[in-house]
């Protein structure tokens, strides 16, 4: 996944804690990327999908998922 690295804070216990805004931006970027990938997959030909080891049925199941579901 290609997201922009955003700063995080390290607490005294060494655990990295992210700013809530940073987490929200990361989540929105993930959802956007997922939706784009599904649209791209839906536009591929059956022969391309077969070369990738996928069937049209596999793709239909994937593109029916809401953008927030992995």
N, C-alpha and C. Protein backbone atom coordinates (compact mmCIF):
# COMPACT_ATOMS: atom_id res chain seq x y z
N UNK A 1 0.84 -1.17 0.00
CA UNK A 1 0.00 0.00 0.00
C UNK A 1 0.89 1.22 0.00
N UNK A 2 0.54 2.23 -0.75
CA UNK A 2 1.36 3.42 -0.87
C UNK A 2 0.68 4.60 -0.19
N UNK A 3 0.97 4.77 1.09
CA UNK A 3 0.43 5.91 1.81
C UNK A 3 1.59 6.78 2.27
N UNK A 4 1.31 8.00 2.55
CA UNK A 4 2.32 8.93 3.00
C UNK A 4 2.64 8.66 4.46
N UNK A 5 3.92 8.62 4.77
CA UNK A 5 4.33 8.43 6.15
C UNK A 5 4.04 9.70 6.93
N UNK A 6 3.29 9.56 7.99
CA UNK A 6 2.95 10.69 8.83
C UNK A 6 3.59 10.48 10.20
N UNK A 7 3.90 11.57 10.90
CA UNK A 7 4.59 11.42 12.18
C UNK A 7 3.74 10.72 13.24
N UNK A 8 4.43 10.05 14.12
CA UNK A 8 3.76 9.40 15.24
C UNK A 8 4.52 9.78 16.52
N UNK A 9 3.92 9.54 17.63
CA UNK A 9 4.54 9.86 18.91
C UNK A 9 4.84 8.56 19.65
N UNK A 10 5.96 8.53 20.35
CA UNK A 10 6.32 7.37 21.14
C UNK A 10 6.11 7.71 22.61
N UNK A 11 5.32 6.92 23.28
CA UNK A 11 5.05 7.15 24.70
C UNK A 11 6.24 6.69 25.52
N UNK A 12 6.21 6.96 26.81
CA UNK A 12 7.30 6.58 27.71
C UNK A 12 7.51 5.07 27.74
N UNK A 13 6.45 4.30 27.52
CA UNK A 13 6.57 2.84 27.56
C UNK A 13 7.10 2.27 26.25
N UNK A 14 7.44 3.13 25.27
CA UNK A 14 7.99 2.69 24.00
C UNK A 14 6.96 2.32 22.96
N UNK A 15 5.68 2.41 23.29
CA UNK A 15 4.61 2.09 22.35
C UNK A 15 4.35 3.30 21.46
N UNK A 16 4.28 3.06 20.17
CA UNK A 16 4.03 4.14 19.22
C UNK A 16 2.54 4.45 19.22
N UNK A 17 2.21 5.69 19.48
CA UNK A 17 0.81 6.13 19.47
C UNK A 17 0.66 7.13 18.34
N UNK A 18 -0.39 6.95 17.56
CA UNK A 18 -0.63 7.84 16.42
C UNK A 18 -1.69 8.86 16.77
N UNK A 19 -1.51 10.00 16.22
CA UNK A 19 -2.48 11.07 16.35
C UNK A 19 -3.80 10.60 15.73
N UNK A 20 -4.95 10.87 16.36
CA UNK A 20 -6.24 10.43 15.80
C UNK A 20 -6.48 10.96 14.38
N UNK A 21 -6.04 12.16 14.09
CA UNK A 21 -6.21 12.71 12.74
C UNK A 21 -5.37 11.92 11.75
N UNK A 22 -4.16 11.57 12.14
CA UNK A 22 -3.28 10.76 11.28
C UNK A 22 -3.91 9.40 11.01
N UNK A 23 -4.48 8.81 12.05
CA UNK A 23 -5.14 7.50 11.89
C UNK A 23 -6.34 7.60 10.96
N UNK A 24 -7.10 8.68 11.09
CA UNK A 24 -8.26 8.87 10.23
C UNK A 24 -7.84 9.06 8.77
N UNK A 25 -6.82 9.86 8.55
CA UNK A 25 -6.32 10.08 7.19
C UNK A 25 -5.84 8.76 6.59
N UNK A 26 -5.12 7.98 7.37
CA UNK A 26 -4.63 6.69 6.89
C UNK A 26 -5.79 5.76 6.53
N UNK A 27 -6.83 5.76 7.36
CA UNK A 27 -8.01 4.93 7.09
C UNK A 27 -8.71 5.37 5.81
N UNK A 28 -8.88 6.67 5.63
CA UNK A 28 -9.53 7.18 4.41
C UNK A 28 -8.72 6.85 3.17
N UNK A 29 -7.40 6.97 3.26
CA UNK A 29 -6.54 6.62 2.13
C UNK A 29 -6.64 5.13 1.80
N UNK A 30 -6.71 4.30 2.82
CA UNK A 30 -6.86 2.85 2.62
C UNK A 30 -8.17 2.54 1.92
N UNK A 31 -9.26 3.16 2.38
CA UNK A 31 -10.56 2.94 1.75
C UNK A 31 -10.56 3.39 0.30
N UNK A 32 -9.95 4.54 0.03
CA UNK A 32 -9.90 5.06 -1.34
C UNK A 32 -9.11 4.11 -2.25
N UNK A 33 -7.97 3.66 -1.76
CA UNK A 33 -7.14 2.75 -2.54
C UNK A 33 -7.87 1.43 -2.81
N UNK A 34 -8.56 0.92 -1.80
CA UNK A 34 -9.31 -0.33 -1.95
C UNK A 34 -10.40 -0.18 -3.02
N UNK A 35 -11.12 0.94 -2.99
CA UNK A 35 -12.17 1.18 -3.99
C UNK A 35 -11.58 1.27 -5.39
N UNK A 36 -10.44 1.96 -5.52
CA UNK A 36 -9.78 2.07 -6.82
C UNK A 36 -9.35 0.70 -7.34
N UNK A 37 -8.76 -0.11 -6.47
CA UNK A 37 -8.30 -1.44 -6.89
C UNK A 37 -9.47 -2.31 -7.35
N UNK A 38 -10.59 -2.20 -6.67
CA UNK A 38 -11.75 -3.01 -7.05
C UNK A 38 -12.33 -2.55 -8.38
N UNK A 39 -12.35 -1.24 -8.62
CA UNK A 39 -12.82 -0.74 -9.92
C UNK A 39 -11.89 -1.21 -11.05
N UNK A 40 -10.61 -1.18 -10.79
CA UNK A 40 -9.64 -1.64 -11.79
C UNK A 40 -9.82 -3.13 -12.07
N UNK A 41 -9.98 -3.91 -11.02
CA UNK A 41 -10.20 -5.35 -11.18
C UNK A 41 -11.46 -5.64 -11.98
N UNK A 42 -12.50 -4.88 -11.72
CA UNK A 42 -13.77 -5.08 -12.43
C UNK A 42 -13.64 -4.80 -13.92
N UNK A 43 -12.71 -3.94 -14.29
CA UNK A 43 -12.57 -3.55 -15.70
C UNK A 43 -11.69 -4.52 -16.50
N UNK A 44 -11.07 -5.47 -15.86
CA UNK A 44 -10.16 -6.39 -16.55
C UNK A 44 -10.94 -7.45 -17.34
N UNK A 45 -10.31 -7.91 -18.41
CA UNK A 45 -10.94 -8.93 -19.26
C UNK A 45 -10.86 -10.31 -18.59
N UNK A 46 -11.72 -11.20 -19.05
CA UNK A 46 -11.72 -12.56 -18.52
C UNK A 46 -10.40 -13.26 -18.77
N UNK A 47 -9.78 -13.00 -19.91
CA UNK A 47 -8.49 -13.65 -20.20
C UNK A 47 -7.39 -13.13 -19.27
N UNK A 48 -7.42 -11.84 -18.97
CA UNK A 48 -6.45 -11.28 -18.01
C UNK A 48 -6.65 -11.91 -16.64
N UNK A 49 -7.91 -12.01 -16.22
CA UNK A 49 -8.20 -12.60 -14.91
C UNK A 49 -7.75 -14.06 -14.85
N UNK A 50 -7.98 -14.79 -15.94
CA UNK A 50 -7.55 -16.19 -15.99
C UNK A 50 -6.03 -16.29 -15.87
N UNK A 51 -5.30 -15.36 -16.50
CA UNK A 51 -3.84 -15.34 -16.39
C UNK A 51 -3.40 -15.11 -14.94
N UNK A 52 -4.21 -14.41 -14.18
CA UNK A 52 -3.92 -14.12 -12.77
C UNK A 52 -4.45 -15.20 -11.83
N UNK A 53 -5.12 -16.19 -12.40
CA UNK A 53 -5.67 -17.27 -11.59
C UNK A 53 -7.00 -16.94 -10.95
N UNK A 54 -7.70 -15.96 -11.52
CA UNK A 54 -9.00 -15.54 -11.00
C UNK A 54 -10.09 -15.83 -12.01
N UNK A 55 -11.28 -16.02 -11.51
CA UNK A 55 -12.43 -16.16 -12.39
C UNK A 55 -13.27 -14.90 -12.29
N UNK A 56 -14.18 -14.72 -13.21
CA UNK A 56 -15.10 -13.57 -13.16
C UNK A 56 -15.94 -13.65 -11.88
N UNK A 57 -16.26 -14.86 -11.46
CA UNK A 57 -17.03 -15.06 -10.22
C UNK A 57 -16.24 -14.56 -9.00
N UNK A 58 -14.94 -14.83 -8.97
CA UNK A 58 -14.08 -14.33 -7.89
C UNK A 58 -14.10 -12.80 -7.84
N UNK A 59 -14.00 -12.21 -9.01
CA UNK A 59 -13.97 -10.75 -9.11
C UNK A 59 -15.31 -10.16 -8.68
N UNK A 60 -16.39 -10.76 -9.13
CA UNK A 60 -17.71 -10.27 -8.75
C UNK A 60 -17.89 -10.29 -7.23
N UNK A 61 -17.40 -11.36 -6.59
CA UNK A 61 -17.50 -11.44 -5.13
C UNK A 61 -16.68 -10.33 -4.47
N UNK A 62 -15.52 -10.04 -5.02
CA UNK A 62 -14.66 -9.00 -4.45
C UNK A 62 -15.24 -7.61 -4.65
N UNK A 63 -15.75 -7.33 -5.83
CA UNK A 63 -16.23 -5.96 -6.08
C UNK A 63 -17.57 -5.67 -5.41
N UNK A 64 -18.25 -6.70 -4.96
CA UNK A 64 -19.50 -6.49 -4.22
C UNK A 64 -19.26 -6.06 -2.78
N UNK A 65 -18.05 -6.25 -2.29
CA UNK A 65 -17.73 -5.88 -0.91
C UNK A 65 -17.74 -4.35 -0.79
N UNK A 66 -18.22 -3.85 0.33
CA UNK A 66 -18.13 -2.40 0.56
C UNK A 66 -16.66 -2.00 0.71
N UNK A 67 -16.35 -0.76 0.41
CA UNK A 67 -14.97 -0.29 0.43
C UNK A 67 -14.31 -0.44 1.80
N UNK A 68 -15.08 -0.47 2.86
CA UNK A 68 -14.49 -0.55 4.19
C UNK A 68 -14.17 -1.98 4.60
N UNK A 69 -14.61 -2.97 3.82
CA UNK A 69 -14.33 -4.37 4.18
C UNK A 69 -13.13 -4.86 3.39
N UNK A 70 -12.20 -5.49 4.11
CA UNK A 70 -10.97 -6.00 3.51
C UNK A 70 -11.23 -7.30 2.78
